[in-house]
């Protein structure tokens, strides 16, 4: 029997995945200044189309937890699944690393470690396995950290990923954070090589769409397809065929973009032009290779 999964990107690390009348929402965030447009936000009217709604909150950092999600329960039934280290009083069913929970006959979830606060989630939705990393990543800061600190971060990350390697993952959302500099993709690369998800969608790129797009262009391999979802409300549909094939359908048409020549952001020879940032250097205090015009 074929299965269809509709995936929507909202902002930063916020995504939803829907199958039939079941909706999963992960780390929904409107943005520091409410950047997510009103027309692209989740509303109670939208939620009424589903019989089962599960909202996953990996940890308490503001960019992964928006208070707006708790307003939805005033209008429709919502089940919240949160990390066990969330502040006391937070609504939701708590999960610590290693916990497993059956949410319904169609939805099961496992919690794994993070290398920051909280947990990462692996959700089994009718046999489709969806992983959201939260803040699980190889967090390293080459200009500030000592060699020992980097080695400890590497060891902690590998230890956290080790049990996930035993799982079969169809779709993974994983951080590629440009603030880390040249090795911003080290965690995602290791995750692809060790876990081998069928599809990986980069997240947590702080509005730097070209970073996610360039990563998707060069990180895909035989075992893993990589697709960048960077526009508010962008959607794809995953078709899981009976013969085991996975087909990706683009539900959001590409938007024509007219930019001035000096505003273009071409990627060439490993360098990214920053003219379009109007004086603000998004790589400030990092060592990611960039081309700065005179």
C-alpha atoms as a PDB file:
ATOM      1  CA  UNK A   1       0.000   0.000   0.000  1.00  0.00           C
ATOM      2  CA  UNK A   2       1.408   3.375  -1.004  1.00  0.00           C
ATOM      3  CA  UNK A   3       1.819   6.054   1.660  1.00  0.00           C
ATOM      4  CA  UNK A   4       1.972   9.814   1.270  1.00  0.00           C
ATOM      5  CA  UNK A   5       3.645  12.204   3.703  1.00  0.00           C
ATOM      6  CA  UNK A   6       3.244  15.960   3.291  1.00  0.00           C
ATOM      7  CA  UNK A   7       6.107  17.955   4.816  1.00  0.00           C
ATOM      8  CA  UNK A   8       5.946  21.706   5.469  1.00  0.00           C
ATOM      9  CA  UNK A   9       8.774  24.024   6.507  1.00  0.00           C
ATOM     10  CA  UNK A  10       7.878  26.999   8.686  1.00  0.00           C
ATOM     11  CA  UNK A  11      10.965  28.674  10.125  1.00  0.00           C
ATOM     12  CA  UNK A  12      14.384  27.703  11.500  1.00  0.00           C
ATOM     13  CA  UNK A  13      13.849  24.161  12.879  1.00  0.00           C
ATOM     14  CA  UNK A  14      10.065  24.177  12.606  1.00  0.00           C
ATOM     15  CA  UNK A  15       8.400  21.567  10.397  1.00  0.00           C
ATOM     16  CA  UNK A  16       5.209  19.572  10.173  1.00  0.00           C
ATOM     17  CA  UNK A  17       4.572  16.145   8.675  1.00  0.00           C
ATOM     18  CA  UNK A  18       1.056  15.008   7.812  1.00  0.00           C
ATOM     19  CA  UNK A  19      -0.347  11.658   6.733  1.00  0.00           C
ATOM     20  CA  UNK A  20      -4.085  11.258   6.242  1.00  0.00           C
ATOM     21  CA  UNK A  21      -5.687  12.783   9.362  1.00  0.00           C
ATOM     22  CA  UNK A  22      -2.547  12.704  11.548  1.00  0.00           C
ATOM     23  CA  UNK A  23      -0.353  15.805  11.956  1.00  0.00           C
ATOM     24  CA  UNK A  24       3.088  15.996  13.583  1.00  0.00           C
ATOM     25  CA  UNK A  25       4.563  19.420  14.393  1.00  0.00           C
ATOM     26  CA  UNK A  26       8.225  19.806  15.396  1.00  0.00           C
ATOM     27  CA  UNK A  27       9.897  22.769  17.174  1.00  0.00           C
ATOM     28  CA  UNK A  28       7.517  25.379  15.763  1.00  0.00           C
ATOM     29  CA  UNK A  29       8.788  28.974  16.081  1.00  0.00           C
ATOM     30  CA  UNK A  30       7.461  32.228  14.694  1.00  0.00           C
ATOM     31  CA  UNK A  31      10.911  33.824  14.807  1.00  0.00           C
ATOM     32  CA  UNK A  32      12.653  36.296  17.079  1.00  0.00           C
ATOM     33  CA  UNK A  33      10.694  39.161  15.521  1.00  0.00           C
ATOM     34  CA  UNK A  34       7.747  37.154  14.224  1.00  0.00           C
ATOM     35  CA  UNK A  35       9.347  36.651  10.807  1.00  0.00           C
ATOM     36  CA  UNK A  36       7.006  33.795   9.889  1.00  0.00           C
ATOM     37  CA  UNK A  37       4.269  35.533   7.857  1.00  0.00           C
ATOM     38  CA  UNK A  38       0.692  35.359   9.126  1.00  0.00           C
ATOM     39  CA  UNK A  39      -0.363  33.577   5.941  1.00  0.00           C
ATOM     40  CA  UNK A  40       2.158  30.768   6.563  1.00  0.00           C
ATOM     41  CA  UNK A  41       1.407  30.147  10.233  1.00  0.00           C
ATOM     42  CA  UNK A  42      -0.452  27.207  11.708  1.00  0.00           C
ATOM     43  CA  UNK A  43      -3.973  28.206  12.752  1.00  0.00           C
ATOM     44  CA  UNK A  44      -6.752  26.407  14.654  1.00  0.00           C
ATOM     45  CA  UNK A  45      -8.790  26.302  11.435  1.00  0.00           C
ATOM     46  CA  UNK A  46      -5.940  24.444   9.747  1.00  0.00           C
ATOM     47  CA  UNK A  47      -5.649  22.027  12.669  1.00  0.00           C
ATOM     48  CA  UNK A  48      -9.333  21.119  12.543  1.00  0.00           C
ATOM     49  CA  UNK A  49      -8.634  19.081   9.419  1.00  0.00           C
ATOM     50  CA  UNK A  50      -6.830  16.467  11.556  1.00  0.00           C
ATOM     51  CA  UNK A  51      -8.091  13.918  14.090  1.00  0.00           C
ATOM     52  CA  UNK A  52      -4.708  13.422  15.757  1.00  0.00           C
ATOM     53  CA  UNK A  53      -2.346  16.353  16.377  1.00  0.00           C
ATOM     54  CA  UNK A  54       1.021  15.878  18.073  1.00  0.00           C
ATOM     55  CA  UNK A  55       3.335  18.787  18.864  1.00  0.00           C
ATOM     56  CA  UNK A  56       6.948  17.871  19.640  1.00  0.00           C
ATOM     57  CA  UNK A  57       9.181  20.279  21.592  1.00  0.00           C
ATOM     58  CA  UNK A  58      12.783  19.091  21.752  1.00  0.00           C
ATOM     59  CA  UNK A  59      13.912  21.578  24.414  1.00  0.00           C
ATOM     60  CA  UNK A  60      13.252  24.956  25.981  1.00  0.00           C
ATOM     61  CA  UNK A  61      15.475  27.229  23.845  1.00  0.00           C
ATOM     62  CA  UNK A  62      13.269  30.037  22.465  1.00  0.00           C
ATOM     63  CA  UNK A  63      14.119  29.169  18.851  1.00  0.00           C
ATOM     64  CA  UNK A  64      12.607  25.696  19.349  1.00  0.00           C
ATOM     65  CA  UNK A  65       9.651  26.556  21.569  1.00  0.00           C
ATOM     66  CA  UNK A  66       7.071  29.185  20.713  1.00  0.00           C
ATOM     67  CA  UNK A  67       4.300  29.865  23.273  1.00  0.00           C
ATOM     68  CA  UNK A  68       1.904  30.074  20.323  1.00  0.00           C
ATOM     69  CA  UNK A  69       1.719  26.273  20.215  1.00  0.00           C
ATOM     70  CA  UNK A  70      -0.022  26.174  23.596  1.00  0.00           C
ATOM     71  CA  UNK A  71      -2.755  28.472  22.331  1.00  0.00           C
ATOM     72  CA  UNK A  72      -3.875  25.847  19.820  1.00  0.00           C
ATOM     73  CA  UNK A  73      -5.210  23.578  22.572  1.00  0.00           C
ATOM     74  CA  UNK A  74      -7.836  26.179  23.400  1.00  0.00           C
ATOM     75  CA  UNK A  75      -9.431  25.497  20.012  1.00  0.00           C
ATOM     76  CA  UNK A  76      -8.613  21.867  19.138  1.00  0.00           C
ATOM     77  CA  UNK A  77      -7.344  18.740  20.948  1.00  0.00           C
ATOM     78  CA  UNK A  78      -3.538  18.679  20.861  1.00  0.00           C
ATOM     79  CA  UNK A  79      -1.067  16.276  22.453  1.00  0.00           C
ATOM     80  CA  UNK A  80       2.297  17.789  23.428  1.00  0.00           C
ATOM     81  CA  UNK A  81       5.456  15.692  23.707  1.00  0.00           C
ATOM     82  CA  UNK A  82       8.298  17.533  25.435  1.00  0.00           C
ATOM     83  CA  UNK A  83      11.777  16.816  26.723  1.00  0.00           C
ATOM     84  CA  UNK A  84      12.014  15.721  30.344  1.00  0.00           C
ATOM     85  CA  UNK A  85      14.261  18.668  31.262  1.00  0.00           C
ATOM     86  CA  UNK A  86      11.651  21.266  30.320  1.00  0.00           C
ATOM     87  CA  UNK A  87      10.692  23.626  33.166  1.00  0.00           C
ATOM     88  CA  UNK A  88       8.288  22.190  35.712  1.00  0.00           C
ATOM     89  CA  UNK A  89       4.740  23.112  34.754  1.00  0.00           C
ATOM     90  CA  UNK A  90       5.275  22.821  31.014  1.00  0.00           C
ATOM     91  CA  UNK A  91       2.328  21.106  29.377  1.00  0.00           C
ATOM     92  CA  UNK A  92       2.987  17.774  27.746  1.00  0.00           C
ATOM     93  CA  UNK A  93       4.073  14.191  28.056  1.00  0.00           C
ATOM     94  CA  UNK A  94       7.717  14.166  29.082  1.00  0.00           C
ATOM     95  CA  UNK A  95      10.367  12.017  27.459  1.00  0.00           C
ATOM     96  CA  UNK A  96      13.989  11.432  28.434  1.00  0.00           C
ATOM     97  CA  UNK A  97      16.646   9.790  26.242  1.00  0.00           C
ATOM     98  CA  UNK A  98      15.825   6.105  25.890  1.00  0.00           C
ATOM     99  CA  UNK A  99      12.101   6.527  26.527  1.00  0.00           C
ATOM    100  CA  UNK A 100       9.556   5.036  24.130  1.00  0.00           C
ATOM    101  CA  UNK A 101       5.896   5.946  23.963  1.00  0.00           C
ATOM    102  CA  UNK A 102       2.872   4.739  22.011  1.00  0.00           C
ATOM    103  CA  UNK A 103       0.758   7.809  21.303  1.00  0.00           C
ATOM    104  CA  UNK A 104      -1.902   5.999  19.278  1.00  0.00           C
ATOM    105  CA  UNK A 105      -2.348   2.923  17.116  1.00  0.00           C
ATOM    106  CA  UNK A 106      -0.635   4.864  14.309  1.00  0.00           C
ATOM    107  CA  UNK A 107       2.042   6.855  16.133  1.00  0.00           C
ATOM    108  CA  UNK A 108       4.978   5.718  18.265  1.00  0.00           C
ATOM    109  CA  UNK A 109       7.941   7.825  19.391  1.00  0.00           C
ATOM    110  CA  UNK A 110      11.423   7.219  20.774  1.00  0.00           C
ATOM    111  CA  UNK A 111      13.579   9.862  22.438  1.00  0.00           C
ATOM    112  CA  UNK A 112      17.343  10.007  21.966  1.00  0.00           C
ATOM    113  CA  UNK A 113      20.085  12.138  23.474  1.00  0.00           C
ATOM    114  CA  UNK A 114      20.956  15.655  22.418  1.00  0.00           C
ATOM    115  CA  UNK A 115      24.360  17.312  22.654  1.00  0.00           C
ATOM    116  CA  UNK A 116      22.654  20.434  23.988  1.00  0.00           C
ATOM    117  CA  UNK A 117      19.466  20.692  26.008  1.00  0.00           C
ATOM    118  CA  UNK A 118      16.582  18.286  25.629  1.00  0.00           C
ATOM    119  CA  UNK A 119      16.211  15.323  23.316  1.00  0.00           C
ATOM    120  CA  UNK A 120      15.898  14.314  19.687  1.00  0.00           C
ATOM    121  CA  UNK A 121      12.794  12.476  18.471  1.00  0.00           C
ATOM    122  CA  UNK A 122      12.221   9.482  16.197  1.00  0.00           C
ATOM    123  CA  UNK A 123       8.560   9.113  15.278  1.00  0.00           C
ATOM    124  CA  UNK A 124       7.022   6.063  13.634  1.00  0.00           C
ATOM    125  CA  UNK A 125       3.960   7.280  11.728  1.00  0.00           C
ATOM    126  CA  UNK A 126       2.199   4.319  10.115  1.00  0.00           C
ATOM    127  CA  UNK A 127       5.564   2.730   9.378  1.00  0.00           C
ATOM    128  CA  UNK A 128       7.272   5.906   8.119  1.00  0.00           C
ATOM    129  CA  UNK A 129      10.192   6.865  10.355  1.00  0.00           C
ATOM    130  CA  UNK A 130      10.769  10.600  10.909  1.00  0.00           C
ATOM    131  CA  UNK A 131      13.728  11.932  12.910  1.00  0.00           C
ATOM    132  CA  UNK A 132      13.978  15.476  14.277  1.00  0.00           C
ATOM    133  CA  UNK A 133      17.373  16.215  15.782  1.00  0.00           C
ATOM    134  CA  UNK A 134      16.400  19.223  17.905  1.00  0.00           C
ATOM    135  CA  UNK A 135      19.819  20.534  18.942  1.00  0.00           C
ATOM    136  CA  UNK A 136      21.650  17.260  18.472  1.00  0.00           C
ATOM    137  CA  UNK A 137      24.790  18.256  16.580  1.00  0.00           C
ATOM    138  CA  UNK A 138      28.574  18.285  16.699  1.00  0.00           C
ATOM    139  CA  UNK A 139      28.753  21.654  18.436  1.00  0.00           C
ATOM    140  CA  UNK A 140      32.263  23.041  18.143  1.00  0.00           C
ATOM    141  CA  UNK A 141      33.655  26.564  17.944  1.00  0.00           C
ATOM    142  CA  UNK A 142      37.085  26.442  16.325  1.00  0.00           C
ATOM    143  CA  UNK A 143      38.073  30.016  17.118  1.00  0.00           C
ATOM    144  CA  UNK A 144      37.130  29.774  20.788  1.00  0.00           C
ATOM    145  CA  UNK A 145      37.364  26.113  21.818  1.00  0.00           C
ATOM    146  CA  UNK A 146      40.508  24.312  22.845  1.00  0.00           C
ATOM    147  CA  UNK A 147      41.585  21.094  21.126  1.00  0.00           C
ATOM    148  CA  UNK A 148      40.462  19.192  24.204  1.00  0.00           C
ATOM    149  CA  UNK A 149      37.023  20.813  24.137  1.00  0.00           C
ATOM    150  CA  UNK A 150      36.607  19.969  20.454  1.00  0.00           C
ATOM    151  CA  UNK A 151      37.646  16.360  21.067  1.00  0.00           C
ATOM    152  CA  UNK A 152      35.178  16.104  23.963  1.00  0.00           C
ATOM    153  CA  UNK A 153      32.388  17.554  21.800  1.00  0.00           C
ATOM    154  CA  UNK A 154      33.218  15.074  19.046  1.00  0.00           C
ATOM    155  CA  UNK A 155      33.144  12.148  21.468  1.00  0.00           C
ATOM    156  CA  UNK A 156      29.853  13.267  22.981  1.00  0.00           C
ATOM    157  CA  UNK A 157      28.266  13.647  19.561  1.00  0.00           C
ATOM    158  CA  UNK A 158      29.409  10.240  18.328  1.00  0.00           C
ATOM    159  CA  UNK A 159      28.160   8.644  21.545  1.00  0.00           C
ATOM    160  CA  UNK A 160      24.748  10.282  21.098  1.00  0.00           C
ATOM    161  CA  UNK A 161      24.462   9.168  17.464  1.00  0.00           C
ATOM    162  CA  UNK A 162      25.555   5.584  18.113  1.00  0.00           C
ATOM    163  CA  UNK A 163      22.125   4.206  19.180  1.00  0.00           C
ATOM    164  CA  UNK A 164      20.417   6.036  16.299  1.00  0.00           C
ATOM    165  CA  UNK A 165      22.567   4.076  13.844  1.00  0.00           C
ATOM    166  CA  UNK A 166      20.495   0.997  14.702  1.00  0.00           C
ATOM    167  CA  UNK A 167      17.319   2.696  13.439  1.00  0.00           C
ATOM    168  CA  UNK A 168      15.856   2.875   9.942  1.00  0.00           C
ATOM    169  CA  UNK A 169      15.099   6.523   9.104  1.00  0.00           C
ATOM    170  CA  UNK A 170      13.105   7.696   6.105  1.00  0.00           C
ATOM    171  CA  UNK A 171      13.222  11.450   6.784  1.00  0.00           C
ATOM    172  CA  UNK A 172      15.615  13.382   9.013  1.00  0.00           C
ATOM    173  CA  UNK A 173      15.703  17.059   9.941  1.00  0.00           C
ATOM    174  CA  UNK A 174      19.247  17.985  11.012  1.00  0.00           C
ATOM    175  CA  UNK A 175      21.110  21.240  11.891  1.00  0.00           C
ATOM    176  CA  UNK A 176      23.591  23.013   9.606  1.00  0.00           C
ATOM    177  CA  UNK A 177      24.464  26.106  11.647  1.00  0.00           C
ATOM    178  CA  UNK A 178      26.660  28.675   9.812  1.00  0.00           C
ATOM    179  CA  UNK A 179      27.730  30.263  13.115  1.00  0.00           C
ATOM    180  CA  UNK A 180      30.122  27.326  13.518  1.00  0.00           C
ATOM    181  CA  UNK A 181      32.326  28.429  10.667  1.00  0.00           C
ATOM    182  CA  UNK A 182      34.112  26.236   8.169  1.00  0.00           C
ATOM    183  CA  UNK A 183      33.013  22.941   9.744  1.00  0.00           C
ATOM    184  CA  UNK A 184      29.350  23.971  10.099  1.00  0.00           C
ATOM    185  CA  UNK A 185      28.275  20.782   8.298  1.00  0.00           C
ATOM    186  CA  UNK A 186      30.465  18.299  10.200  1.00  0.00           C
ATOM    187  CA  UNK A 187      27.594  16.978  12.299  1.00  0.00           C
ATOM    188  CA  UNK A 188      25.213  16.553   9.368  1.00  0.00           C
ATOM    189  CA  UNK A 189      27.895  14.857   7.287  1.00  0.00           C
ATOM    190  CA  UNK A 190      28.640  12.354  10.049  1.00  0.00           C
ATOM    191  CA  UNK A 191      24.926  11.711  10.521  1.00  0.00           C
ATOM    192  CA  UNK A 192      24.480  10.949   6.809  1.00  0.00           C
ATOM    193  CA  UNK A 193      27.511   8.653   6.690  1.00  0.00           C
ATOM    194  CA  UNK A 194      26.669   6.740   9.873  1.00  0.00           C
ATOM    195  CA  UNK A 195      22.853   6.692  10.047  1.00  0.00           C
ATOM    196  CA  UNK A 196      22.109   6.821   6.291  1.00  0.00           C
ATOM    197  CA  UNK A 197      18.620   8.377   6.322  1.00  0.00           C
ATOM    198  CA  UNK A 198      16.804   8.089   3.001  1.00  0.00           C
ATOM    199  CA  UNK A 199      16.163  11.846   2.925  1.00  0.00           C
ATOM    200  CA  UNK A 200      17.748  14.620   4.981  1.00  0.00           C
ATOM    201  CA  UNK A 201      16.407  18.179   5.211  1.00  0.00           C
ATOM    202  CA  UNK A 202      18.871  20.721   6.702  1.00  0.00           C
ATOM    203  CA  UNK A 203      17.537  23.072   9.367  1.00  0.00           C
ATOM    204  CA  UNK A 204      18.708  25.577  12.014  1.00  0.00           C
ATOM    205  CA  UNK A 205      20.496  27.698   9.385  1.00  0.00           C
ATOM    206  CA  UNK A 206      19.405  31.046  10.868  1.00  0.00           C
ATOM    207  CA  UNK A 207      17.801  32.418   7.714  1.00  0.00           C
ATOM    208  CA  UNK A 208      20.874  31.662   5.589  1.00  0.00           C
ATOM    209  CA  UNK A 209      18.985  29.933   2.770  1.00  0.00           C
ATOM    210  CA  UNK A 210      22.027  29.716   0.520  1.00  0.00           C
ATOM    211  CA  UNK A 211      23.873  27.706   3.181  1.00  0.00           C
ATOM    212  CA  UNK A 212      21.156  25.034   3.237  1.00  0.00           C
ATOM    213  CA  UNK A 213      20.889  25.055  -0.560  1.00  0.00           C
ATOM    214  CA  UNK A 214      24.628  24.691  -1.101  1.00  0.00           C
ATOM    215  CA  UNK A 215      24.795  21.936   1.502  1.00  0.00           C
ATOM    216  CA  UNK A 216      21.988  20.053  -0.259  1.00  0.00           C
ATOM    217  CA  UNK A 217      23.770  20.428  -3.594  1.00  0.00           C
ATOM    218  CA  UNK A 218      26.994  18.800  -2.467  1.00  0.00           C
ATOM    219  CA  UNK A 219      25.987  16.497   0.421  1.00  0.00           C
ATOM    220  CA  UNK A 220      23.614  14.116  -1.373  1.00  0.00           C
ATOM    221  CA  UNK A 221      24.951  10.634  -1.956  1.00  0.00           C
ATOM    222  CA  UNK A 222      23.779   7.201  -3.032  1.00  0.00           C
ATOM    223  CA  UNK A 223      22.209   6.351   0.345  1.00  0.00           C
ATOM    224  CA  UNK A 224      20.796   9.788   1.169  1.00  0.00           C
ATOM    225  CA  UNK A 225      19.026  12.467  -0.814  1.00  0.00           C
ATOM    226  CA  UNK A 226      19.307  15.989   0.623  1.00  0.00           C
ATOM    227  CA  UNK A 227      16.678  18.640  -0.046  1.00  0.00           C
ATOM    228  CA  UNK A 228      16.808  22.235   1.190  1.00  0.00           C
ATOM    229  CA  UNK A 229      13.490  23.708   2.308  1.00  0.00           C
ATOM    230  CA  UNK A 230      14.152  27.388   2.920  1.00  0.00           C
ATOM    231  CA  UNK A 231      10.999  29.396   2.163  1.00  0.00           C
ATOM    232  CA  UNK A 232       8.270  30.016   4.717  1.00  0.00           C
ATOM    233  CA  UNK A 233       5.509  27.495   4.105  1.00  0.00           C
ATOM    234  CA  UNK A 234       7.460  25.493   1.515  1.00  0.00           C
ATOM    235  CA  UNK A 235       6.016  22.005   1.016  1.00  0.00           C
ATOM    236  CA  UNK A 236       7.063  18.655  -0.402  1.00  0.00           C
ATOM    237  CA  UNK A 237       5.200  15.360  -0.643  1.00  0.00           C
ATOM    238  CA  UNK A 238       6.951  12.046  -0.065  1.00  0.00           C
ATOM    239  CA  UNK A 239       5.458   9.060  -1.853  1.00  0.00           C
ATOM    240  CA  UNK A 240       6.436   5.706  -0.375  1.00  0.00           C
ATOM    241  CA  UNK A 241       5.746   3.122  -3.060  1.00  0.00           C
ATOM    242  CA  UNK A 242       5.052  -0.564  -2.522  1.00  0.00           C
ATOM    243  CA  UNK A 243       8.280  -1.552  -4.258  1.00  0.00           C
ATOM    244  CA  UNK A 244      10.307   0.413  -1.704  1.00  0.00           C
ATOM    245  CA  UNK A 245      10.981   3.472  -3.830  1.00  0.00           C
ATOM    246  CA  UNK A 246      10.670   6.950  -2.341  1.00  0.00           C
ATOM    247  CA  UNK A 247       9.550   9.712  -4.687  1.00  0.00           C
ATOM    248  CA  UNK A 248       9.694  13.394  -3.743  1.00  0.00           C
ATOM    249  CA  UNK A 249       7.082  15.739  -5.187  1.00  0.00           C
ATOM    250  CA  UNK A 250       7.494  19.520  -4.959  1.00  0.00           C
ATOM    251  CA  UNK A 251       4.181  21.003  -3.838  1.00  0.00           C
ATOM    252  CA  UNK A 252       5.420  24.590  -3.704  1.00  0.00           C
ATOM    253  CA  UNK A 253       6.276  26.081  -7.076  1.00  0.00           C
ATOM    254  CA  UNK A 254       9.646  27.856  -7.327  1.00  0.00           C
ATOM    255  CA  UNK A 255       9.344  31.610  -6.923  1.00  0.00           C
ATOM    256  CA  UNK A 256      10.950  33.842  -9.551  1.00  0.00           C
ATOM    257  CA  UNK A 257      13.518  36.090  -7.918  1.00  0.00           C
ATOM    258  CA  UNK A 258      14.681  39.307  -9.524  1.00  0.00           C
ATOM    259  CA  UNK A 259      17.877  40.623  -7.966  1.00  0.00           C
ATOM    260  CA  UNK A 260      20.361  43.252  -8.956  1.00  0.00           C
ATOM    261  CA  UNK A 261      23.653  41.942 -10.228  1.00  0.00           C
ATOM    262  CA  UNK A 262      25.485  43.248  -7.174  1.00  0.00           C
ATOM    263  CA  UNK A 263      22.988  41.511  -4.884  1.00  0.00           C
ATOM    264  CA  UNK A 264      23.515  38.056  -6.357  1.00  0.00           C
ATOM    265  CA  UNK A 265      24.897  35.337  -4.120  1.00  0.00           C
ATOM    266  CA  UNK A 266      26.807  33.028  -6.480  1.00  0.00           C
ATOM    267  CA  UNK A 267      28.723  30.106  -5.075  1.00  0.00           C
ATOM    268  CA  UNK A 268      32.014  29.602  -6.861  1.00  0.00           C
ATOM    269  CA  UNK A 269      35.303  28.052  -5.819  1.00  0.00           C
ATOM    270  CA  UNK A 270      33.927  27.431  -2.339  1.00  0.00           C
ATOM    271  CA  UNK A 271      33.238  31.126  -1.706  1.00  0.00           C
ATOM    272  CA  UNK A 272      30.009  33.030  -1.142  1.00  0.00           C
ATOM    273  CA  UNK A 273      29.538  36.660  -2.121  1.00  0.00           C
ATOM    274  CA  UNK A 274      28.048  38.754   0.687  1.00  0.00           C
ATOM    275  CA  UNK A 275      26.971  41.865  -1.237  1.00  0.00           C
ATOM    276  CA  UNK A 276      23.292  41.209  -0.601  1.00  0.00           C
ATOM    277  CA  UNK A 277      23.635  41.579   3.157  1.00  0.00           C
ATOM    278  CA  UNK A 278      23.766  45.373   3.167  1.00  0.00           C
ATOM    279  CA  UNK A 279      26.768  45.691   5.395  1.00  0.00           C
ATOM    280  CA  UNK A 280      25.914  42.956   7.884  1.00  0.00           C
ATOM    281  CA  UNK A 281      28.341  40.057   7.862  1.00  0.00           C
ATOM    282  CA  UNK A 282      26.432  36.900   8.902  1.00  0.00           C
ATOM    283  CA  UNK A 283      29.729  35.043   9.257  1.00  0.00           C
ATOM    284  CA  UNK A 284      31.011  37.444  11.890  1.00  0.00           C
ATOM    285  CA  UNK A 285      33.312  35.667  14.349  1.00  0.00           C
ATOM    286  CA  UNK A 286      33.385  32.485  12.265  1.00  0.00           C
ATOM    287  CA  UNK A 287      35.859  31.062   9.799  1.00  0.00           C
ATOM    288  CA  UNK A 288      33.534  29.982   6.979  1.00  0.00           C
ATOM    289  CA  UNK A 289      35.251  30.920   3.679  1.00  0.00           C
ATOM    290  CA  UNK A 290      33.662  34.033   2.196  1.00  0.00           C
ATOM    291  CA  UNK A 291      34.498  36.563  -0.468  1.00  0.00           C
ATOM    292  CA  UNK A 292      34.418  40.105   0.820  1.00  0.00           C
ATOM    293  CA  UNK A 293      34.396  42.751  -1.896  1.00  0.00           C
ATOM    294  CA  UNK A 294      36.626  45.787  -1.600  1.00  0.00           C
END
